[in-house]
């Protein structure tokens, strides 16, 4: 019984991917659907980037979508197994696509700077979103207008 529980726990851990992306950009389409794009330099010389597209499941009604800030949860990464884009870029694009397609649980973890208004000090906080892999596209770039 204990061995079976340990194997199930290990399998569940291997079936989960947590992407820790400090530069994550979450974008929205005109309807309010949320997406995360992970761009990695392409191995193919004809393309600059391979872009892995994820949806953040925020649909709450037929055509209603939850605000991105209501979906996030604080998380401590100290005890979590995480993968950063730099690590993922070491995997071939086909292998990465296959691995992402097989994962049953994928999460985006990103770091953001917050301000304590009582003392004026800034601090970093990590937030987590569940994401669903949608596929790979070539040469998609997200403009950062900040």
Foldseek 3Di string as FASTA:
>chain_A
DVVVVVVVVVVLLLLEAEEEEQPWDWDADPLGWIKTWQWAQAPDPVFGTKIWIKTFPADDDPRDGDDPVVQKDFDDCPPHDHDYSVNLNVDHPVVSQVSLQRRPWYKYKYKDWDADVVVGDIDITIIMTTIHTDGIDTDDDDDDPD
